[in-house]
Protein backbone atom coordinates (compact mmCIF):
# COMPACT_ATOMS: atom_id res chain seq x y z
CA MET A 1 212.37 34.36 56.35
CA LEU A 2 211.93 31.18 58.35
CA LYS A 3 210.49 31.45 61.83
CA ARG A 4 213.14 30.97 64.49
CA ASP A 5 211.74 27.67 65.81
CA VAL A 6 211.55 26.24 62.32
CA ARG A 7 215.09 27.27 61.54
CA GLU A 8 216.35 25.67 64.74
CA LYS A 9 214.55 22.41 63.89
CA LEU A 10 216.14 22.33 60.44
CA ILE A 11 219.60 23.04 61.87
CA ALA A 12 219.14 20.24 64.37
CA ILE A 13 218.46 17.85 61.48
CA VAL A 14 221.15 18.82 58.90
CA GLY A 15 223.60 20.99 60.77
CA GLU A 16 224.00 24.78 60.71
CA GLU A 17 226.36 24.62 57.75
CA ASN A 18 223.65 23.07 55.63
CA VAL A 19 221.02 25.74 56.23
CA GLU A 20 221.48 29.05 54.34
CA ASP A 21 219.04 31.96 54.69
CA ASN A 22 221.13 34.95 53.67
CA ASN A 23 219.37 36.69 50.76
CA ALA A 24 222.59 37.32 48.84
CA SER A 25 223.46 33.61 48.98
CA LEU A 26 219.89 32.62 48.09
CA LEU A 27 219.99 34.47 44.73
CA ALA A 28 221.57 31.41 43.10
CA TYR A 29 218.47 29.35 43.93
CA SER A 30 215.92 31.98 42.79
CA TYR A 31 215.76 30.97 39.10
CA ASP A 32 216.60 28.17 36.68
CA SER A 33 217.77 28.12 33.06
CA THR A 34 214.67 29.86 31.80
CA ALA A 35 215.86 32.99 33.66
CA ARG A 36 212.41 34.51 33.06
CA TYR A 37 210.95 33.73 36.44
CA GLN A 38 212.77 34.71 39.62
CA ALA A 39 211.72 34.41 43.28
CA LEU A 40 213.79 34.11 46.43
CA PRO A 41 213.33 31.15 48.70
CA ASP A 42 213.30 31.68 52.46
CA ALA A 43 216.15 29.22 52.89
CA MET A 44 218.31 26.59 51.23
CA VAL A 45 218.67 23.23 52.98
CA ALA A 46 221.19 20.56 52.02
CA PRO A 47 220.37 17.16 53.61
CA ARG A 48 223.11 14.53 53.85
CA ASN A 49 220.99 11.41 53.48
CA LYS A 50 217.46 10.16 52.90
CA HIS A 51 216.65 10.16 56.65
CA GLU A 52 217.49 13.84 56.83
CA VAL A 53 215.38 14.50 53.75
CA ALA A 54 212.46 12.74 55.47
CA ALA A 55 212.92 14.69 58.67
CA VAL A 56 213.09 18.01 56.82
CA VAL A 57 209.93 17.17 54.94
CA LYS A 58 208.11 16.32 58.17
CA VAL A 59 208.98 19.73 59.60
CA CYS A 60 207.88 21.49 56.44
CA ASN A 61 204.62 19.52 56.31
CA GLU A 62 203.90 20.36 59.93
CA HIS A 63 204.45 24.07 59.38
CA ARG A 64 203.02 24.19 55.81
CA ILE A 65 206.33 25.37 54.34
CA PRO A 66 206.75 24.94 50.56
CA ILE A 67 209.61 22.69 49.40
CA VAL A 68 211.28 22.96 46.00
CA PRO A 69 213.58 19.98 45.22
CA ARG A 70 216.37 21.28 43.02
CA GLY A 71 219.16 19.57 41.09
CA SER A 72 221.49 21.85 39.11
CA GLY A 73 218.74 24.21 38.00
CA THR A 74 219.26 23.42 34.32
CA ASN A 75 215.55 22.82 33.59
CA LEU A 76 213.84 24.96 31.01
CA CYS A 77 210.30 25.36 32.33
CA ALA A 78 210.82 27.38 35.56
CA GLY A 79 210.21 24.13 37.37
CA THR A 80 212.64 24.85 40.23
CA THR A 81 211.81 28.52 40.80
CA PRO A 82 210.57 28.92 44.40
CA SER A 83 207.53 30.95 43.36
CA GLU A 84 205.91 30.73 46.82
CA GLY A 85 209.06 31.06 48.96
CA GLY A 86 209.79 28.24 51.41
CA ILE A 87 212.94 26.17 51.18
CA VAL A 88 214.96 24.93 48.22
CA LEU A 89 216.27 21.40 48.90
CA ILE A 90 219.61 20.63 47.22
CA PHE A 91 221.49 17.34 47.02
CA LYS A 92 225.16 18.25 47.02
CA HIS A 93 225.80 15.65 49.73
CA MET A 94 223.93 12.87 47.95
CA ARG A 95 226.14 12.16 44.92
CA LYS A 96 227.12 8.56 45.41
CA ILE A 97 226.94 5.79 42.81
CA LEU A 98 225.87 3.03 45.18
CA GLU A 99 226.17 0.01 42.93
CA ILE A 100 226.76 -1.20 39.39
CA ASP A 101 225.18 -4.61 38.94
CA ASP A 102 226.52 -6.07 35.71
CA GLU A 103 224.53 -9.30 36.20
CA ASN A 104 221.19 -7.46 36.21
CA LEU A 105 222.46 -4.56 34.05
CA THR A 106 221.54 -1.87 36.58
CA ILE A 107 223.14 1.07 38.31
CA THR A 108 221.85 2.41 41.63
CA VAL A 109 222.52 6.09 42.39
CA GLN A 110 221.65 8.87 44.77
CA SER A 111 219.62 11.73 43.31
CA GLY A 112 222.47 14.21 43.25
CA VAL A 113 224.74 12.20 40.88
CA TYR A 114 225.57 14.01 37.65
CA THR A 115 224.21 12.42 34.48
CA LYS A 116 227.64 12.39 32.85
CA ASP A 117 229.08 10.48 35.80
CA ILE A 118 226.47 7.77 35.35
CA LEU A 119 227.33 7.42 31.66
CA GLU A 120 231.06 7.27 32.39
CA ALA A 121 230.63 4.74 35.20
CA ALA A 122 228.64 2.49 32.92
CA GLN A 123 231.20 2.81 30.13
CA GLN A 124 233.96 1.69 32.43
CA VAL A 125 232.35 -1.74 32.64
CA GLY A 126 231.35 -1.93 28.97
CA LEU A 127 227.75 -0.81 29.52
CA PHE A 128 225.75 2.19 28.34
CA TYR A 129 223.29 4.66 29.87
CA PRO A 130 221.67 6.29 26.83
CA PRO A 131 219.68 9.34 28.08
CA ASP A 132 221.70 12.45 27.23
CA PRO A 133 219.99 15.76 27.98
CA GLY A 134 221.78 18.81 26.62
CA SER A 135 222.93 19.73 30.12
CA MET A 136 224.15 16.20 30.93
CA HIS A 137 227.57 17.47 32.05
CA ILE A 138 226.01 19.32 34.97
CA SER A 139 222.45 18.08 35.36
CA GLN A 140 221.63 15.71 38.21
CA ILE A 141 219.74 12.43 37.83
CA GLY A 142 217.06 13.42 40.32
CA GLY A 143 216.25 16.41 38.12
CA ASN A 144 216.36 14.26 34.97
CA ILE A 145 213.84 11.90 36.50
CA SER A 146 211.60 14.65 37.79
CA GLU A 147 211.48 16.25 34.33
CA ASN A 148 211.62 12.98 32.35
CA SER A 149 214.53 14.46 30.40
CA GLY A 150 215.18 13.52 26.80
CA GLY A 151 218.19 14.26 24.67
CA LEU A 152 219.87 13.68 21.34
CA ARG A 153 219.62 9.89 21.58
CA GLY A 154 215.91 9.85 22.34
CA LEU A 155 214.87 8.66 18.86
CA LYS A 156 216.54 5.24 19.14
CA TYR A 157 216.93 4.77 22.84
CA GLY A 158 214.03 6.62 24.44
CA VAL A 159 214.03 9.08 27.34
CA THR A 160 214.84 8.95 31.05
CA ARG A 161 211.50 7.22 31.84
CA ASP A 162 212.55 4.21 29.79
CA TYR A 163 215.59 3.55 32.04
CA VAL A 164 214.06 4.05 35.51
CA LEU A 165 213.39 0.65 37.09
CA GLY A 166 212.91 1.66 40.70
CA LEU A 167 212.88 4.70 42.98
CA GLU A 168 213.28 5.60 46.62
CA ILE A 169 210.88 8.45 47.41
CA VAL A 170 210.20 10.64 50.39
CA LEU A 171 206.47 11.36 50.40
CA PRO A 172 205.08 14.79 51.36
CA ASN A 173 204.33 13.50 54.88
CA GLY A 174 207.95 12.40 55.39
CA GLU A 175 207.40 8.68 54.91
CA ILE A 176 209.91 6.80 52.69
CA ILE A 177 208.79 4.31 50.06
CA GLN A 178 210.57 2.12 47.48
CA THR A 179 209.01 1.43 44.08
CA GLY A 180 210.00 -1.05 41.42
CA GLY A 181 213.37 -2.85 41.54
CA LYS A 182 215.82 -4.83 39.44
CA LEU A 183 213.02 -6.54 37.62
CA ALA A 184 212.17 -7.13 33.98
CA LYS A 185 208.52 -7.66 34.97
CA ASP A 186 206.50 -6.24 37.88
CA VAL A 187 202.76 -5.57 37.85
CA ALA A 188 202.16 -5.54 41.60
CA GLY A 189 199.78 -2.63 42.07
CA TYR A 190 199.84 0.81 40.58
CA ASP A 191 203.03 1.77 38.73
CA LEU A 192 204.23 4.39 41.19
CA THR A 193 207.65 4.51 39.52
CA ARG A 194 206.10 5.86 36.36
CA LEU A 195 203.93 8.28 38.29
CA TYR A 196 206.95 9.97 39.83
CA VAL A 197 208.95 10.18 36.58
CA GLY A 198 208.05 13.57 35.16
CA ALA A 199 206.10 14.69 38.25
CA GLU A 200 208.42 17.70 38.57
CA GLY A 201 208.81 17.35 42.33
CA THR A 202 205.12 18.02 42.96
CA LEU A 203 204.36 14.63 44.55
CA GLY A 204 207.47 13.86 46.63
CA ILE A 205 211.29 13.83 46.61
CA ILE A 206 213.39 11.27 44.82
CA THR A 207 216.39 10.22 46.91
CA GLU A 208 217.68 7.14 45.00
CA ALA A 209 217.11 5.50 41.65
CA ILE A 210 217.72 2.09 40.08
CA LEU A 211 218.50 2.65 36.38
CA LYS A 212 218.67 0.23 33.49
CA LEU A 213 221.88 -0.16 31.53
CA ILE A 214 222.40 -1.73 28.12
CA PRO A 215 225.47 -3.10 26.26
CA GLN A 216 227.81 -0.49 24.86
CA PRO A 217 227.34 -0.06 21.03
CA GLU A 218 230.20 -1.50 19.02
CA THR A 219 230.78 1.52 16.79
CA LYS A 220 229.14 4.70 15.46
CA GLN A 221 229.28 7.07 12.47
CA THR A 222 228.19 10.68 12.18
CA MET A 223 226.85 12.48 9.07
CA LEU A 224 225.83 15.99 8.01
CA ALA A 225 223.21 16.45 5.31
CA LEU A 226 222.93 19.97 3.87
CA TYR A 227 219.89 21.59 2.26
CA HIS A 228 218.97 24.70 0.34
CA ASP A 229 215.39 24.25 1.48
CA LEU A 230 214.23 23.92 5.07
CA GLU A 231 211.17 21.79 4.31
CA ALA A 232 213.30 19.38 2.24
CA ALA A 233 215.31 18.62 5.37
CA ALA A 234 212.14 18.01 7.36
CA GLU A 235 210.83 15.74 4.58
CA SER A 236 214.12 13.78 4.77
CA VAL A 237 213.45 13.05 8.42
CA SER A 238 210.06 11.56 7.58
CA ALA A 239 211.60 9.56 4.71
CA ILE A 240 214.33 8.05 6.92
CA ILE A 241 211.82 6.89 9.53
CA ALA A 242 209.35 5.67 6.86
CA ASN A 243 212.12 3.44 5.50
CA ARG A 244 212.35 1.65 8.89
CA ILE A 245 215.73 3.16 9.78
CA ILE A 246 216.07 4.38 13.37
CA PRO A 247 219.26 6.44 13.79
CA ALA A 248 220.75 6.98 17.23
CA THR A 249 220.59 10.72 16.62
CA LEU A 250 218.62 12.66 14.02
CA GLU A 251 218.96 16.40 14.71
CA PHE A 252 217.65 19.42 12.77
CA LEU A 253 219.17 22.93 12.67
CA ASP A 254 217.93 25.83 10.60
CA GLN A 255 220.37 28.28 8.95
CA ALA A 256 220.16 30.91 11.70
CA THR A 257 221.07 28.31 14.30
CA VAL A 258 223.94 26.89 12.20
CA GLN A 259 225.40 30.37 11.71
CA VAL A 260 225.31 31.21 15.38
CA VAL A 261 226.69 27.81 16.45
CA GLU A 262 229.54 28.07 13.95
CA ASP A 263 230.38 31.57 15.13
CA TYR A 264 230.52 30.14 18.66
CA ALA A 265 232.22 26.78 18.05
CA LYS A 266 234.28 27.54 14.92
CA ILE A 267 234.53 23.96 13.61
CA GLY A 268 233.68 24.61 9.98
CA LEU A 269 229.88 24.14 9.94
CA PRO A 270 228.32 24.88 6.50
CA THR A 271 226.68 28.26 7.17
CA GLU A 272 225.50 28.52 3.53
CA ALA A 273 222.97 25.72 4.13
CA LYS A 274 219.38 26.74 4.85
CA ALA A 275 219.05 23.64 6.98
CA VAL A 276 221.28 20.90 8.31
CA LEU A 277 220.57 17.38 9.53
CA LEU A 278 223.02 15.90 12.01
CA ILE A 279 222.67 12.12 11.88
CA GLU A 280 224.40 9.49 13.96
CA GLN A 281 224.05 5.72 13.90
CA ASP A 282 225.58 3.21 16.25
CA GLY A 283 225.65 -0.56 16.60
CA ALA A 284 227.47 -3.38 14.81
CA ALA A 285 229.90 -2.07 12.19
CA GLU A 286 228.18 -3.69 9.22
CA VAL A 287 224.74 -2.46 10.32
CA VAL A 288 226.03 1.11 10.80
CA ALA A 289 227.71 1.13 7.37
CA ARG A 290 224.56 -0.21 5.68
CA ASP A 291 222.25 2.26 7.44
CA MET A 292 224.41 5.27 6.75
CA GLU A 293 224.60 4.38 3.05
CA LYS A 294 220.79 4.19 2.90
CA ILE A 295 220.38 7.38 4.88
CA ALA A 296 222.72 9.26 2.56
CA ALA A 297 220.74 8.08 -0.49
CA LEU A 298 217.45 9.15 1.10
CA CYS A 299 218.82 12.59 1.96
CA ARG A 300 220.11 13.08 -1.59
CA GLY A 301 216.74 11.90 -2.88
CA ASN A 302 215.08 14.57 -0.81
CA ARG A 303 217.21 17.39 -2.28
CA ALA A 304 220.23 17.42 0.02
CA PHE A 305 222.94 19.28 -1.94
CA ASP A 306 225.72 17.63 0.04
CA VAL A 307 226.18 14.74 2.43
CA GLN A 308 229.29 14.57 4.59
CA ILE A 309 230.40 11.71 6.85
CA ALA A 310 232.81 12.49 9.70
CA GLU A 311 236.18 10.84 8.95
CA THR A 312 237.45 10.61 12.55
CA ASN A 313 235.95 10.13 16.02
CA GLU A 314 237.29 13.56 16.93
CA GLU A 315 235.42 15.20 14.06
CA ALA A 316 232.23 13.32 14.95
CA GLU A 317 232.48 14.41 18.58
CA GLN A 318 232.97 18.00 17.50
CA LEU A 319 229.80 17.92 15.43
CA THR A 320 227.78 16.49 18.27
CA ALA A 321 229.27 18.86 20.81
CA ALA A 322 228.47 21.78 18.50
CA ARG A 323 224.81 20.78 18.38
CA ARG A 324 224.73 20.66 22.17
CA THR A 325 225.97 24.29 22.28
CA ALA A 326 223.00 25.60 20.26
CA LEU A 327 221.20 27.18 23.19
CA SER A 328 224.38 28.69 24.63
CA ALA A 329 225.31 30.10 21.24
CA LEU A 330 221.87 31.62 20.57
CA SER A 331 221.71 33.15 24.07
CA ARG A 332 224.65 35.43 23.15
CA LEU A 333 222.59 37.38 20.63
CA LYS A 334 219.79 38.97 22.69
CA PRO A 335 219.24 39.67 26.41
CA THR A 336 216.44 37.06 26.57
CA THR A 337 216.36 33.63 24.95
CA ILE A 338 213.13 31.68 25.18
CA LEU A 339 213.62 28.02 24.26
CA GLU A 340 210.50 25.89 23.80
CA ASP A 341 209.88 22.29 22.73
CA ALA A 342 206.71 21.81 20.71
CA THR A 343 206.54 18.13 19.74
CA VAL A 344 204.62 16.39 16.95
CA PRO A 345 204.46 12.91 15.43
CA ARG A 346 207.55 12.37 13.27
CA SER A 347 205.44 12.30 10.10
CA LYS A 348 204.34 15.90 10.84
CA ILE A 349 207.77 17.45 11.20
CA ALA A 350 207.66 19.24 7.82
CA LYS A 351 204.26 20.80 8.57
CA MET A 352 205.39 21.90 12.03
CA VAL A 353 208.60 23.48 10.75
CA LYS A 354 206.63 25.37 8.14
CA ALA A 355 204.11 26.53 10.70
CA ILE A 356 206.77 27.83 13.07
CA GLY A 357 208.24 29.92 10.25
CA GLU A 358 204.83 31.35 9.31
CA ILE A 359 204.05 32.22 12.91
CA ALA A 360 207.44 33.93 13.37
CA ASP A 361 206.77 36.02 10.20
CA LYS A 362 203.24 36.83 11.41
CA TYR A 363 204.51 38.39 14.61
CA GLN A 364 207.81 39.67 13.13
CA LEU A 365 209.89 37.74 15.61
CA THR A 366 213.28 36.07 15.39
CA ILE A 367 212.62 32.38 16.02
CA CYS A 368 215.43 29.94 15.32
CA THR A 369 214.50 26.27 15.13
CA PHE A 370 216.57 23.23 16.02
CA GLY A 371 215.91 20.04 17.86
CA HIS A 372 215.50 16.28 17.95
CA ALA A 373 213.68 16.03 14.59
CA GLY A 374 213.83 12.25 14.57
CA ASP A 375 211.41 12.02 17.50
CA GLY A 376 209.37 15.05 16.48
CA ASN A 377 210.76 17.26 19.27
CA LEU A 378 211.53 20.70 17.87
CA HIS A 379 212.96 23.62 19.82
CA PRO A 380 211.70 26.92 18.41
CA THR A 381 213.87 29.47 20.14
CA CYS A 382 212.89 33.15 20.27
CA LEU A 383 215.57 35.78 20.66
CA THR A 384 214.05 38.81 22.37
CA ASP A 385 214.35 41.22 25.33
CA ALA A 386 212.15 40.76 28.36
CA ARG A 387 212.34 44.52 29.01
CA ASN A 388 210.38 45.09 25.77
CA GLU A 389 206.87 44.42 27.09
CA GLN A 390 205.20 44.87 23.72
CA GLU A 391 207.46 42.33 22.06
CA ILE A 392 207.08 39.86 24.92
CA GLU A 393 203.29 40.01 24.43
CA LEU A 394 203.89 39.08 20.81
CA VAL A 395 206.24 36.25 21.84
CA GLU A 396 203.57 34.82 24.14
CA LYS A 397 200.94 34.97 21.40
CA ALA A 398 203.35 33.32 18.96
CA PHE A 399 204.18 30.43 21.26
CA ALA A 400 200.49 29.95 22.15
CA GLU A 401 199.85 29.47 18.41
CA ILE A 402 202.87 27.13 18.10
CA PHE A 403 201.53 24.94 20.92
CA GLU A 404 198.05 24.97 19.46
CA LYS A 405 199.41 23.91 16.10
CA ALA A 406 201.46 21.11 17.69
CA VAL A 407 198.39 19.72 19.47
CA GLU A 408 196.32 20.09 16.24
CA LEU A 409 198.93 17.93 14.46
CA GLY A 410 198.62 15.24 17.14
CA GLY A 411 201.48 16.49 19.25
CA THR A 412 202.02 17.98 22.67
CA ILE A 413 203.04 21.23 24.35
CA THR A 414 206.27 19.76 25.73
CA GLY A 415 208.30 16.75 24.80
CA GLU A 416 211.08 16.96 27.39
CA HIS A 417 211.24 20.31 29.17
CA GLY A 418 208.23 19.83 31.43
CA VAL A 419 205.36 22.11 32.42
CA GLY A 420 206.65 24.00 35.45
CA MET A 421 205.47 27.61 35.35
CA MET A 422 206.30 28.22 31.66
CA LYS A 423 203.73 25.76 30.23
CA LEU A 424 201.15 25.99 33.01
CA PRO A 425 198.77 28.13 30.92
CA TYR A 426 198.85 25.60 28.07
CA LEU A 427 198.51 22.24 29.82
CA HIS A 428 194.77 22.12 29.18
CA LEU A 429 195.45 22.06 25.41
CA LYS A 430 196.97 18.59 25.81
CA ALA A 431 195.39 17.13 28.91
CA GLY A 432 191.91 18.57 28.61
CA GLU A 433 189.91 19.83 31.62
CA HIS A 434 188.99 16.29 32.77
CA GLY A 435 192.61 15.19 32.51
CA LEU A 436 193.72 18.23 34.52
CA GLU A 437 191.17 17.45 37.22
CA ALA A 438 192.42 13.87 37.47
CA MET A 439 195.93 15.18 38.00
CA ARG A 440 194.76 17.64 40.61
CA ARG A 441 193.07 14.78 42.55
CA ILE A 442 196.30 12.78 42.57
CA LYS A 443 198.18 15.80 43.81
CA LYS A 444 195.59 16.46 46.55
CA ALA A 445 195.65 12.81 47.69
CA LEU A 446 199.45 12.62 48.00
CA ASP A 447 200.17 16.19 49.05
CA PRO A 448 197.06 17.49 50.88
CA ASN A 449 198.93 20.46 52.34
CA ALA A 450 200.28 21.42 48.89
CA ILE A 451 203.88 21.88 50.10
CA MET A 452 205.64 20.08 47.23
CA ASN A 453 206.86 22.51 44.56
CA PRO A 454 203.66 24.60 44.57
CA GLY A 455 202.74 26.78 41.64
CA LYS A 456 203.96 24.27 39.08
CA MET A 457 201.76 22.44 36.58
CA PHE A 458 198.57 23.80 38.17
CA ALA A 459 197.45 27.25 39.20
CA PRO A 460 198.88 28.30 42.57
CA HIS A 461 196.98 27.03 45.57
CA THR A 462 195.27 29.25 48.11
CA LYS A 463 197.72 30.68 50.63
CA GLN A 464 197.71 29.15 54.09
CA SER A 465 199.28 29.99 57.46
CA THR A 466 202.91 28.81 57.28
CA GLY A 467 206.09 28.58 59.22
CA VAL A 468 207.50 31.51 57.21
CA GLU A 469 207.45 35.14 58.36
CA LYS A 470 206.44 37.63 55.69
């Protein structure tokens, strides 16, 4: 628990109603969507503005109290689990859309704004915010930026990083800085904006963001391509990209995932197919029609036994919504669902899909695979039970091999979920020891007291005297 003088300082900053240190209430902040790692914080603090964030950080830095910035807790890498106690900082009072600038095509928001609200605000003025993580209905933009979230539209439009033009950041010493701005070009010094995108709250706290918007696409069409052979579906993905067609969405689901999603959503998905591609294209009507015709021909040429195009917008939205429910649907089957995101170059999708299947067979595990196949981002998902220690050991061995295979194929250990605690043991596979050391030096320079989200990305730091009573 917090020492009395520290608690009083925090209450003086944010008000007593915005400091919670009752253990029963703190349970909600002890885990994220991984649900595999759980640790109670010493308190939850909800600042009302950036100045209160800065003041709270100064207190925590003075007393060496860990801070875990937390959005909605939807991340999938145990990135917001307070593994070393301290305070969880939430942004329920900082949910304002501050400005939509249709001359510069930007939107400025506080860090607690929901992703869906940003998309809808842009649409109201004929603009478009493309990043769409699976949890976009409840995820907050500060969390999206901290994890560099992706989504179904990542193939054509990129990820969160590609839409962050500027940030307001509270540094670990409590100072406030602004990076970037409403600029198409800016090479004045180090690119601090990019440094903080994907930093997982380990280098500071994002309080505001300037995001890029683009014109709203004119129209879109959605297609399902069905396969008797899983590798044929993966080869179709490579063929579509090789033919210089970039769909807005190009998603892959294996049969096990399709069956579970259909049982959950009940919209008539083809459960007899060994694999399904969900393909969406948007843009000018004539371009969309031409691209979908070519894509259908390529899928049939790569052994698709059926190609179906959604006839109405409602049907198309149902298909996309069903894909977004994949994790929720799978999590109904076993007590523990471990969702990962090994990512490879798009040309290696078929090899990676095959390797995942072989590794699952080797360890006799149930691993369902779905994901953003168009950008090489696959989500092998293991259905298991954390209480079965022997099986969990096999799961860990299996995923270690999956990550090693992804890196061997020129890929990475995570395409959009982040490192957090889940991927901490594997970061060296991608970054190398020298790369890890460079990251540690950046962390040490900006956060010398190691208060910002400790225990994430790197091995936990040495314990110090803190303002927390144990």
